[in-house]
Amino acid sequence: MKRHAFSNPAQIEFFALVWQPFSHPFRLRAGDVIRMNNRLCRVIRVNASAAVVIMNQPARVFKTRFDKPVQFQPPPAMFRISSNSESEILNRRTA
């Protein structure tokens, strides 16, 4: 019987690390409310590359040429951040 160079008779047991990924590998999750630039934002979608965040914009108020005040609400701003971003999560429940 031929002995291999990597076998060691002093080693009596095999040791291995078993790596199991987290059930939620990303820090942010869909539905989280976070704070960015002192404004509240909601996380819409999270995947491996980015988290899609939506932020309401303030209402714009101005006066027309005839001194009549006009107000309108712009649509929410949507942007992407890292799914592992270190932003403050406000509504995360701890189990």
N, C-alpha and C. Protein backbone atom coordinates (compact mmCIF):
# COMPACT_ATOMS: atom_id res chain seq x y z
N MET A 1 0.84 -1.18 0.00
CA MET A 1 0.00 0.00 0.00
C MET A 1 0.88 1.24 0.00
N LYS A 2 0.57 2.17 -0.89
CA LYS A 2 1.38 3.38 -1.03
C LYS A 2 0.87 4.47 -0.09
N ARG A 3 1.78 5.09 0.61
CA ARG A 3 1.42 6.19 1.50
C ARG A 3 1.50 7.50 0.75
N HIS A 4 0.50 8.37 0.97
CA HIS A 4 0.51 9.69 0.35
C HIS A 4 1.29 10.66 1.22
N ALA A 5 1.85 11.66 0.61
CA ALA A 5 2.66 12.63 1.35
C ALA A 5 1.81 13.49 2.27
N PHE A 6 0.51 13.65 1.96
CA PHE A 6 -0.31 14.53 2.78
C PHE A 6 -0.94 13.81 3.97
N SER A 7 -0.82 12.49 4.08
CA SER A 7 -1.41 11.78 5.21
C SER A 7 -0.48 11.87 6.42
N ASN A 8 -1.07 12.05 7.57
CA ASN A 8 -0.31 12.19 8.80
C ASN A 8 -0.89 11.19 9.80
N PRO A 9 -0.13 10.19 10.23
CA PRO A 9 -0.68 9.20 11.16
C PRO A 9 -1.00 9.79 12.53
N ALA A 10 -0.42 10.95 12.89
CA ALA A 10 -0.71 11.56 14.18
C ALA A 10 -2.06 12.27 14.18
N GLN A 11 -2.56 12.56 13.00
CA GLN A 11 -3.87 13.25 12.94
C GLN A 11 -4.94 12.18 12.98
N ILE A 12 -5.76 12.20 14.03
CA ILE A 12 -6.75 11.13 14.20
C ILE A 12 -8.16 11.56 13.81
N GLU A 13 -8.41 12.82 13.64
CA GLU A 13 -9.75 13.24 13.24
C GLU A 13 -9.67 14.36 12.22
N PHE A 14 -10.75 14.51 11.50
CA PHE A 14 -10.84 15.53 10.46
C PHE A 14 -11.57 16.73 11.02
N PHE A 15 -11.03 17.92 10.81
CA PHE A 15 -11.63 19.15 11.32
C PHE A 15 -12.01 20.04 10.14
N ALA A 16 -13.24 20.58 10.14
CA ALA A 16 -13.68 21.45 9.05
C ALA A 16 -14.63 22.50 9.59
N LEU A 17 -14.64 23.63 8.95
CA LEU A 17 -15.60 24.68 9.26
C LEU A 17 -16.76 24.57 8.29
N VAL A 18 -17.95 24.68 8.80
CA VAL A 18 -19.15 24.64 7.95
C VAL A 18 -19.71 26.06 7.92
N TRP A 19 -19.76 26.64 6.72
CA TRP A 19 -20.25 28.00 6.55
C TRP A 19 -21.69 27.96 6.07
N GLN A 20 -22.59 28.59 6.85
CA GLN A 20 -23.99 28.69 6.44
C GLN A 20 -24.32 30.15 6.28
N PRO A 21 -24.79 30.55 5.11
CA PRO A 21 -25.13 31.97 4.92
C PRO A 21 -26.34 32.35 5.78
N PHE A 22 -26.41 33.64 6.10
CA PHE A 22 -27.53 34.15 6.87
C PHE A 22 -28.82 33.98 6.08
N SER A 23 -29.93 33.87 6.80
CA SER A 23 -31.21 33.78 6.10
C SER A 23 -31.56 35.12 5.44
N HIS A 24 -31.07 36.22 6.00
CA HIS A 24 -31.23 37.56 5.41
C HIS A 24 -29.82 38.14 5.23
N PRO A 25 -29.20 37.96 4.07
CA PRO A 25 -27.80 38.36 3.92
C PRO A 25 -27.60 39.87 3.82
N PHE A 26 -28.66 40.66 3.64
CA PHE A 26 -28.50 42.10 3.50
C PHE A 26 -28.93 42.80 4.78
N ARG A 27 -28.33 43.91 5.05
CA ARG A 27 -28.68 44.67 6.25
C ARG A 27 -30.04 45.32 6.10
N LEU A 28 -30.30 45.95 4.96
CA LEU A 28 -31.59 46.59 4.72
C LEU A 28 -32.58 45.56 4.20
N ARG A 29 -33.85 45.75 4.54
CA ARG A 29 -34.91 44.87 4.04
C ARG A 29 -36.03 45.74 3.48
N ALA A 30 -36.80 45.16 2.57
CA ALA A 30 -37.94 45.88 1.98
C ALA A 30 -38.92 46.23 3.09
N GLY A 31 -39.41 47.47 3.06
CA GLY A 31 -40.35 47.94 4.07
C GLY A 31 -39.70 48.71 5.20
N ASP A 32 -38.39 48.70 5.30
CA ASP A 32 -37.71 49.47 6.35
C ASP A 32 -37.88 50.96 6.12
N VAL A 33 -37.96 51.70 7.21
CA VAL A 33 -37.96 53.16 7.16
C VAL A 33 -36.59 53.60 7.67
N ILE A 34 -35.89 54.40 6.86
CA ILE A 34 -34.56 54.86 7.22
C ILE A 34 -34.53 56.39 7.21
N ARG A 35 -33.49 56.94 7.80
CA ARG A 35 -33.32 58.39 7.82
C ARG A 35 -32.10 58.74 6.98
N MET A 36 -32.32 59.61 5.98
CA MET A 36 -31.23 60.11 5.15
C MET A 36 -31.39 61.62 5.02
N ASN A 37 -30.33 62.35 5.31
CA ASN A 37 -30.34 63.82 5.25
C ASN A 37 -31.48 64.40 6.08
N ASN A 38 -31.70 63.83 7.27
CA ASN A 38 -32.76 64.26 8.19
C ASN A 38 -34.15 64.16 7.58
N ARG A 39 -34.35 63.24 6.63
CA ARG A 39 -35.66 63.01 6.02
C ARG A 39 -35.96 61.52 6.10
N LEU A 40 -37.23 61.17 6.22
CA LEU A 40 -37.64 59.78 6.29
C LEU A 40 -37.75 59.20 4.88
N CYS A 41 -37.27 57.98 4.72
CA CYS A 41 -37.30 57.29 3.43
C CYS A 41 -37.78 55.86 3.66
N ARG A 42 -38.40 55.28 2.65
CA ARG A 42 -38.85 53.88 2.74
C ARG A 42 -38.09 53.04 1.72
N VAL A 43 -37.62 51.87 2.17
CA VAL A 43 -36.93 50.92 1.29
C VAL A 43 -38.00 50.13 0.55
N ILE A 44 -37.96 50.18 -0.77
CA ILE A 44 -38.96 49.52 -1.60
C ILE A 44 -38.52 48.10 -1.96
N ARG A 45 -37.27 47.95 -2.39
CA ARG A 45 -36.80 46.67 -2.91
C ARG A 45 -35.31 46.53 -2.58
N VAL A 46 -34.88 45.30 -2.26
CA VAL A 46 -33.49 45.04 -1.93
C VAL A 46 -33.02 43.81 -2.71
N ASN A 47 -31.85 43.91 -3.34
CA ASN A 47 -31.23 42.75 -3.98
C ASN A 47 -29.74 42.80 -3.69
N ALA A 48 -28.97 41.96 -4.35
CA ALA A 48 -27.54 41.83 -4.04
C ALA A 48 -26.75 43.09 -4.34
N SER A 49 -27.19 43.87 -5.32
CA SER A 49 -26.39 45.02 -5.72
C SER A 49 -26.85 46.34 -5.11
N ALA A 50 -28.13 46.49 -4.82
CA ALA A 50 -28.61 47.79 -4.33
C ALA A 50 -29.95 47.65 -3.62
N ALA A 51 -30.27 48.70 -2.86
CA ALA A 51 -31.59 48.84 -2.25
C ALA A 51 -32.26 50.06 -2.88
N VAL A 52 -33.48 49.91 -3.33
CA VAL A 52 -34.22 51.01 -3.95
C VAL A 52 -34.98 51.73 -2.85
N VAL A 53 -34.76 53.03 -2.75
CA VAL A 53 -35.32 53.85 -1.67
C VAL A 53 -36.18 54.94 -2.29
N ILE A 54 -37.29 55.26 -1.62
CA ILE A 54 -38.18 56.33 -2.08
C ILE A 54 -38.29 57.37 -0.98
N MET A 55 -38.23 58.66 -1.36
CA MET A 55 -38.29 59.75 -0.39
C MET A 55 -39.27 60.80 -0.89
N ASN A 56 -40.22 61.18 -0.04
CA ASN A 56 -41.16 62.24 -0.40
C ASN A 56 -40.44 63.58 -0.47
N GLN A 57 -40.82 64.37 -1.45
CA GLN A 57 -40.26 65.70 -1.59
C GLN A 57 -41.22 66.71 -0.97
N PRO A 58 -40.70 67.81 -0.46
CA PRO A 58 -41.59 68.81 0.16
C PRO A 58 -42.45 69.50 -0.90
N ALA A 59 -43.62 69.96 -0.45
CA ALA A 59 -44.51 70.70 -1.34
C ALA A 59 -43.87 72.03 -1.73
N ARG A 60 -44.06 72.43 -2.96
CA ARG A 60 -43.50 73.69 -3.44
C ARG A 60 -44.60 74.75 -3.44
N VAL A 61 -44.27 75.88 -2.86
CA VAL A 61 -45.22 76.99 -2.77
C VAL A 61 -44.57 78.21 -3.42
N PHE A 62 -45.31 78.88 -4.29
CA PHE A 62 -44.82 80.10 -4.90
C PHE A 62 -46.01 80.97 -5.29
N LYS A 63 -45.72 82.19 -5.65
CA LYS A 63 -46.78 83.14 -6.05
C LYS A 63 -46.69 83.38 -7.55
N THR A 64 -47.85 83.51 -8.15
CA THR A 64 -47.90 83.79 -9.58
C THR A 64 -47.66 85.29 -9.81
N ARG A 65 -47.71 85.68 -11.06
CA ARG A 65 -47.53 87.10 -11.37
C ARG A 65 -48.64 87.96 -10.78
N PHE A 66 -49.80 87.36 -10.52
CA PHE A 66 -50.94 88.12 -9.98
C PHE A 66 -51.08 87.94 -8.48
N ASP A 67 -50.00 87.61 -7.80
CA ASP A 67 -49.94 87.43 -6.34
C ASP A 67 -50.90 86.38 -5.80
N LYS A 68 -51.14 85.37 -6.58
CA LYS A 68 -51.97 84.26 -6.11
C LYS A 68 -51.03 83.12 -5.69
N PRO A 69 -51.13 82.63 -4.42
CA PRO A 69 -50.25 81.54 -3.98
C PRO A 69 -50.66 80.21 -4.63
N VAL A 70 -49.66 79.49 -5.09
CA VAL A 70 -49.87 78.19 -5.72
C VAL A 70 -49.00 77.17 -5.00
N GLN A 71 -49.57 75.99 -4.76
CA GLN A 71 -48.82 74.93 -4.10
C GLN A 71 -49.02 73.64 -4.89
N PHE A 72 -47.93 72.89 -5.10
CA PHE A 72 -48.07 71.57 -5.71
C PHE A 72 -47.08 70.61 -5.09
N GLN A 73 -47.45 69.34 -5.13
CA GLN A 73 -46.65 68.28 -4.53
C GLN A 73 -45.91 67.52 -5.64
N PRO A 74 -44.58 67.61 -5.69
CA PRO A 74 -43.83 66.85 -6.70
C PRO A 74 -43.86 65.35 -6.37
N PRO A 75 -43.63 64.50 -7.36
CA PRO A 75 -43.61 63.06 -7.09
C PRO A 75 -42.43 62.68 -6.20
N PRO A 76 -42.51 61.55 -5.51
CA PRO A 76 -41.40 61.12 -4.65
C PRO A 76 -40.13 60.86 -5.44
N ALA A 77 -39.00 61.14 -4.81
CA ALA A 77 -37.70 60.87 -5.43
C ALA A 77 -37.32 59.42 -5.16
N MET A 78 -36.84 58.73 -6.19
CA MET A 78 -36.42 57.34 -6.04
C MET A 78 -34.93 57.25 -6.36
N PHE A 79 -34.18 56.59 -5.50
CA PHE A 79 -32.75 56.45 -5.70
C PHE A 79 -32.29 55.11 -5.15
N ARG A 80 -31.06 54.73 -5.45
CA ARG A 80 -30.50 53.46 -5.03
C ARG A 80 -29.29 53.68 -4.12
N ILE A 81 -29.22 52.85 -3.09
CA ILE A 81 -28.08 52.86 -2.18
C ILE A 81 -27.60 51.41 -2.00
N SER A 82 -26.50 51.23 -1.33
CA SER A 82 -25.99 49.88 -1.08
C SER A 82 -26.94 49.13 -0.15
N SER A 83 -27.11 47.83 -0.40
CA SER A 83 -27.99 47.03 0.45
C SER A 83 -27.39 46.81 1.83
N ASN A 84 -26.10 47.08 2.00
CA ASN A 84 -25.43 46.98 3.29
C ASN A 84 -25.11 48.36 3.85
N SER A 85 -25.87 49.35 3.46
CA SER A 85 -25.63 50.73 3.87
C SER A 85 -25.75 50.88 5.38
N GLU A 86 -24.95 51.74 5.95
CA GLU A 86 -24.96 52.00 7.39
C GLU A 86 -25.92 53.12 7.75
N SER A 87 -27.07 53.18 7.13
CA SER A 87 -28.05 54.22 7.45
C SER A 87 -28.87 53.78 8.65
N GLU A 88 -29.45 54.76 9.35
CA GLU A 88 -30.20 54.51 10.56
C GLU A 88 -31.56 53.91 10.22
N ILE A 89 -31.85 52.71 10.70
CA ILE A 89 -33.14 52.04 10.46
C ILE A 89 -34.04 52.36 11.65
N LEU A 90 -35.23 52.90 11.33
CA LEU A 90 -36.10 53.39 12.39
C LEU A 90 -37.18 52.42 12.82
N ASN A 91 -37.61 51.51 11.95
CA ASN A 91 -38.74 50.66 12.30
C ASN A 91 -38.39 49.19 12.44
N ARG A 92 -37.13 48.82 12.56
CA ARG A 92 -36.73 47.41 12.64
C ARG A 92 -37.17 46.85 13.98
N ARG A 93 -37.91 45.75 13.93
CA ARG A 93 -38.33 45.08 15.16
C ARG A 93 -37.27 44.07 15.54
N THR A 94 -36.94 43.99 16.82
CA THR A 94 -35.98 43.00 17.29
C THR A 94 -36.76 41.84 17.88
N ALA A 95 -36.36 40.63 17.56
CA ALA A 95 -37.09 39.45 18.04
C ALA A 95 -36.51 38.95 19.34
